[in-house]
Amino acid sequence: MRILVVEDEEPLAEAIARGLRREGMAVDVAFTGDEGHEKSTITRYDVVLLDRDLPGMSGDELCKEIVESGELTRVLMLTASGTVEDRVAGLSLGADDYLAKPFAFPELVARVRALGRRATPAAPPLLTAGDVRLDPAKRTVSRAGGPVELTRKEFGVLEVLLSAGGSVVSSEELLERVWDENADPFTTTVRVTVMTLRKKLGEPGIIETVVGSGYRVPGAGHG
């Protein structure tokens, strides 16, 4: 899941980002409304966590821009005020959910996950390729009935490749969907992750390298 946190309280923004990354999400951060607007026009986020009181473009303005863009991006408003009037005002702008500060982090995670499910097409109950099974809901992988323990990034790469249904996925797309803006596009991060993923999945290998294009899993489908 790709998340954008737009919050001018930098310690809070970074704390939210760290916490969400620990939950396996790819998170970008913006400290002003203008920066948030720029990032949201370049990248398609599943969920934007948006403070209402921002320097530059206000949170209200940015929310309206995101809603009017027609993207599936969901907006979770964050505010210091928890009054009914404030919640109604935020939701009337098109925000999908509203959370007053201070908030409990587990609640924030639950709300983000719920919005993320609405921002993407319903995930199939199972992604398969041969005897490999990936369960997106339970976040488990098995091969020939035995569990395969993967890191969050390895799981994310395999999920994207299986979801592609046999189509080629470029390294750039994997970086964008599994990592975040802090990932260096010139590193060997994707290649190394695919290499360790192949080792963990064992033989026969299911991930093909398409020279000059990326990777694919022939025969990937929905179980």
Protein backbone atom coordinates (compact mmCIF):
# COMPACT_ATOMS: atom_id res chain seq x y z
CA MET A 1 0.00 0.00 0.00
CA ARG A 2 1.41 3.44 -0.96
CA ILE A 3 0.72 6.21 1.58
CA LEU A 4 1.36 9.97 1.62
CA VAL A 5 1.54 11.75 4.97
CA VAL A 6 1.03 15.54 4.69
CA GLU A 7 1.70 17.04 8.11
CA ASP A 8 3.63 20.20 9.05
CA GLU A 9 4.55 18.92 12.53
CA GLU A 10 7.71 17.18 11.33
CA PRO A 11 8.28 14.93 14.40
CA LEU A 12 4.67 13.72 14.19
CA ALA A 13 4.87 13.18 10.43
CA GLU A 14 8.08 11.17 10.74
CA ALA A 15 6.69 9.13 13.66
CA ILE A 16 3.57 8.25 11.64
CA ALA A 17 5.72 7.32 8.64
CA ARG A 18 8.00 5.08 10.70
CA GLY A 19 5.04 3.34 12.30
CA LEU A 20 3.27 2.72 8.99
CA ARG A 21 6.49 1.42 7.40
CA ARG A 22 6.76 -1.09 10.24
CA GLU A 23 3.27 -2.22 9.18
CA GLY A 24 4.63 -3.00 5.71
CA MET A 25 3.43 0.15 3.92
CA ALA A 26 5.42 2.36 1.54
CA VAL A 27 5.22 5.90 2.95
CA ASP A 28 6.16 9.31 1.56
CA VAL A 29 6.08 12.50 3.64
CA ALA A 30 5.33 16.14 2.82
CA PHE A 31 5.52 19.02 5.32
CA THR A 32 3.53 21.64 3.38
CA GLY A 33 0.35 21.63 1.34
CA ASP A 34 2.25 22.66 -1.78
CA GLU A 35 4.70 19.77 -1.40
CA GLY A 36 1.82 17.38 -0.77
CA HIS A 37 0.05 18.63 -3.88
CA GLU A 38 3.16 18.14 -6.01
CA LYS A 39 3.70 14.58 -4.78
CA SER A 40 0.05 13.60 -5.14
CA THR A 41 0.02 14.72 -8.77
CA ILE A 42 3.14 12.68 -9.61
CA THR A 43 2.36 9.48 -7.67
CA ARG A 44 -0.93 7.60 -7.31
CA TYR A 45 -1.35 6.99 -3.57
CA ASP A 46 -3.79 4.56 -2.03
CA VAL A 47 -4.33 6.78 1.02
CA VAL A 48 -3.35 10.36 1.88
CA LEU A 49 -3.15 11.31 5.57
CA LEU A 50 -3.84 15.00 5.48
CA ASP A 51 -3.55 17.62 8.21
CA ARG A 52 -6.11 20.40 7.76
CA ASP A 53 -3.85 23.19 9.01
CA LEU A 54 -0.92 23.37 6.59
CA PRO A 55 1.42 26.12 5.42
CA GLY A 56 0.98 27.03 1.75
CA MET A 57 -1.95 25.21 0.20
CA SER A 58 -4.36 24.35 3.01
CA GLY A 59 -5.39 20.80 3.79
CA ASP A 60 -8.92 21.67 2.71
CA GLU A 61 -7.72 22.87 -0.69
CA LEU A 62 -5.51 19.83 -1.18
CA CYS A 63 -8.34 17.49 -0.22
CA LYS A 64 -10.58 19.13 -2.81
CA GLU A 65 -7.86 18.80 -5.48
CA ILE A 66 -7.37 15.09 -4.74
CA VAL A 67 -11.12 14.38 -4.80
CA GLU A 68 -11.62 16.29 -8.05
CA SER A 69 -8.73 14.44 -9.73
CA GLY A 70 -10.98 11.39 -10.05
CA GLU A 71 -8.32 9.02 -8.70
CA LEU A 72 -9.22 6.20 -6.30
CA THR A 73 -7.01 7.81 -3.63
CA ARG A 74 -8.70 7.93 -0.22
CA VAL A 75 -8.22 10.85 2.16
CA LEU A 76 -7.94 10.60 5.94
CA MET A 77 -8.13 14.05 7.53
CA LEU A 78 -6.08 14.74 10.67
CA THR A 79 -6.94 17.72 12.84
CA ALA A 80 -6.36 19.16 16.29
CA SER A 81 -10.08 19.80 16.58
CA GLY A 82 -12.52 16.97 17.19
CA THR A 83 -15.74 18.96 17.20
CA VAL A 84 -18.72 17.73 15.22
CA GLU A 85 -18.68 20.91 13.11
CA ASP A 86 -15.03 20.36 12.19
CA ARG A 87 -15.62 16.71 11.25
CA VAL A 88 -18.62 17.66 9.11
CA ALA A 89 -16.60 20.39 7.38
CA GLY A 90 -13.78 17.99 6.56
CA LEU A 91 -16.07 15.24 5.29
CA SER A 92 -18.06 17.71 3.21
CA LEU A 93 -14.87 18.46 1.27
CA GLY A 94 -14.77 14.84 0.17
CA ALA A 95 -12.52 13.34 2.84
CA ASP A 96 -13.24 9.65 3.37
CA ASP A 97 -12.46 9.57 7.08
CA TYR A 98 -11.54 11.88 9.93
CA LEU A 99 -9.28 11.47 12.97
CA ALA A 100 -8.75 14.02 15.74
CA LYS A 101 -5.37 14.50 17.41
CA PRO A 102 -4.13 13.00 19.65
CA PHE A 103 -5.03 9.57 18.36
CA ALA A 104 -4.11 6.00 19.19
CA PHE A 105 -1.72 4.64 16.57
CA PRO A 106 -3.46 1.22 16.27
CA GLU A 107 -6.66 3.07 15.37
CA LEU A 108 -4.82 5.07 12.71
CA VAL A 109 -3.43 1.85 11.20
CA ALA A 110 -6.87 0.23 11.19
CA ARG A 111 -8.43 3.23 9.46
CA VAL A 112 -5.63 3.42 6.88
CA ARG A 113 -5.99 -0.29 6.07
CA ALA A 114 -9.77 0.07 5.73
CA LEU A 115 -9.37 3.02 3.35
CA GLY A 116 -6.65 1.19 1.43
CA ARG A 117 -9.03 -1.67 0.71
CA ARG A 118 -11.45 0.83 -0.79
CA ALA A 119 -8.72 2.50 -2.87
CA THR A 120 -7.76 -0.63 -4.80
CA PRO A 121 -9.76 -3.27 -6.63
CA ALA A 122 -10.77 -6.14 -4.40
CA ALA A 123 -7.85 -8.51 -3.98
CA PRO A 124 -8.44 -12.08 -5.08
CA PRO A 125 -8.66 -14.56 -2.24
CA LEU A 126 -5.49 -16.25 -3.46
CA LEU A 127 -2.68 -15.58 -5.96
CA THR A 128 -1.09 -18.67 -7.45
CA ALA A 129 1.66 -19.88 -9.77
CA GLY A 130 2.15 -23.63 -9.96
CA ASP A 131 2.33 -24.90 -6.38
CA VAL A 132 3.05 -21.42 -4.96
CA ARG A 133 0.15 -19.83 -3.06
CA LEU A 134 0.04 -16.24 -1.77
CA ASP A 135 -2.81 -15.08 0.47
CA PRO A 136 -3.00 -11.24 0.34
CA ALA A 137 -5.40 -11.04 3.29
CA LYS A 138 -3.45 -13.29 5.66
CA ARG A 139 -0.10 -12.18 4.19
CA THR A 140 1.14 -15.75 3.95
CA VAL A 141 3.01 -17.65 1.25
CA SER A 142 3.29 -21.41 0.82
CA ARG A 143 4.83 -23.81 -1.68
CA ALA A 144 3.63 -27.37 -2.09
CA GLY A 145 1.68 -26.84 1.12
CA GLY A 146 4.68 -25.78 3.20
CA PRO A 147 5.06 -22.22 4.58
CA VAL A 148 7.61 -19.85 3.05
CA GLU A 149 8.85 -17.11 5.37
CA LEU A 150 9.40 -13.83 3.51
CA THR A 151 10.37 -10.30 4.52
CA ARG A 152 7.83 -7.53 3.89
CA LYS A 153 9.66 -6.42 0.74
CA GLU A 154 9.99 -9.96 -0.61
CA PHE A 155 6.29 -10.53 0.01
CA GLY A 156 5.46 -7.23 -1.71
CA VAL A 157 7.54 -8.09 -4.79
CA LEU A 158 5.97 -11.54 -5.09
CA GLU A 159 2.47 -10.11 -4.65
CA VAL A 160 3.02 -7.55 -7.43
CA LEU A 161 4.50 -10.16 -9.79
CA LEU A 162 1.69 -12.66 -9.18
CA SER A 163 -0.96 -9.94 -9.52
CA ALA A 164 0.43 -9.08 -12.97
CA GLY A 165 -0.94 -12.42 -14.26
CA GLY A 166 2.15 -13.32 -16.28
CA SER A 167 2.85 -9.82 -17.61
CA VAL A 168 6.31 -8.27 -17.28
CA VAL A 169 6.80 -5.90 -14.33
CA SER A 170 9.74 -3.49 -14.56
CA SER A 171 12.21 -2.85 -11.77
CA GLU A 172 11.00 0.76 -11.71
CA GLU A 173 7.41 -0.31 -11.11
CA LEU A 174 8.47 -2.69 -8.35
CA LEU A 175 10.43 0.13 -6.68
CA GLU A 176 7.43 2.45 -6.89
CA ARG A 177 4.89 -0.04 -5.59
CA VAL A 178 6.87 -1.90 -2.92
CA TRP A 179 9.34 0.69 -1.65
CA ASP A 180 8.85 4.49 -1.42
CA GLU A 181 10.44 7.73 -2.54
CA ASN A 182 13.51 7.13 -0.36
CA ALA A 183 14.53 4.18 -2.54
CA ASP A 184 17.42 4.99 -4.91
CA PRO A 185 16.38 3.96 -8.45
CA PHE A 186 20.03 3.32 -9.32
CA THR A 187 20.64 0.74 -6.59
CA THR A 188 20.47 -3.04 -6.96
CA THR A 189 17.71 -3.22 -4.33
CA VAL A 190 15.14 -4.88 -6.59
CA ARG A 191 17.63 -7.33 -8.12
CA VAL A 192 18.92 -8.40 -4.70
CA THR A 193 15.39 -8.79 -3.31
CA VAL A 194 14.34 -10.92 -6.29
CA MET A 195 17.47 -13.03 -5.84
CA THR A 196 16.71 -13.77 -2.17
CA LEU A 197 13.04 -14.34 -3.02
CA ARG A 198 14.03 -16.94 -5.62
CA LYS A 199 16.22 -18.74 -3.08
CA LYS A 200 13.43 -18.88 -0.52
CA LEU A 201 10.87 -20.14 -3.04
CA GLY A 202 13.24 -22.88 -4.19
CA GLU A 203 13.18 -25.01 -7.34
CA PRO A 204 11.82 -25.07 -9.90
CA GLY A 205 12.08 -21.30 -10.18
CA ILE A 206 8.90 -19.40 -10.99
CA ILE A 207 10.32 -15.87 -11.51
CA GLU A 208 11.72 -15.20 -14.96
CA THR A 209 14.07 -12.32 -15.80
CA VAL A 210 13.13 -10.56 -19.04
CA VAL A 211 16.38 -8.89 -20.06
CA GLY A 212 16.01 -5.14 -20.44
CA SER A 213 12.39 -5.17 -19.28
CA GLY A 214 11.95 -6.65 -15.79
CA TYR A 215 10.48 -9.80 -14.28
CA ARG A 216 7.46 -12.02 -14.74
CA VAL A 217 5.86 -15.15 -13.32
CA PRO A 218 4.44 -17.23 -16.19
CA GLY A 219 1.20 -18.95 -15.32
CA ALA A 220 0.37 -16.61 -12.44
CA GLY A 221 -3.32 -16.40 -11.74
CA HIS A 222 -6.07 -16.32 -9.17
CA GLY A 223 -6.79 -19.34 -7.03
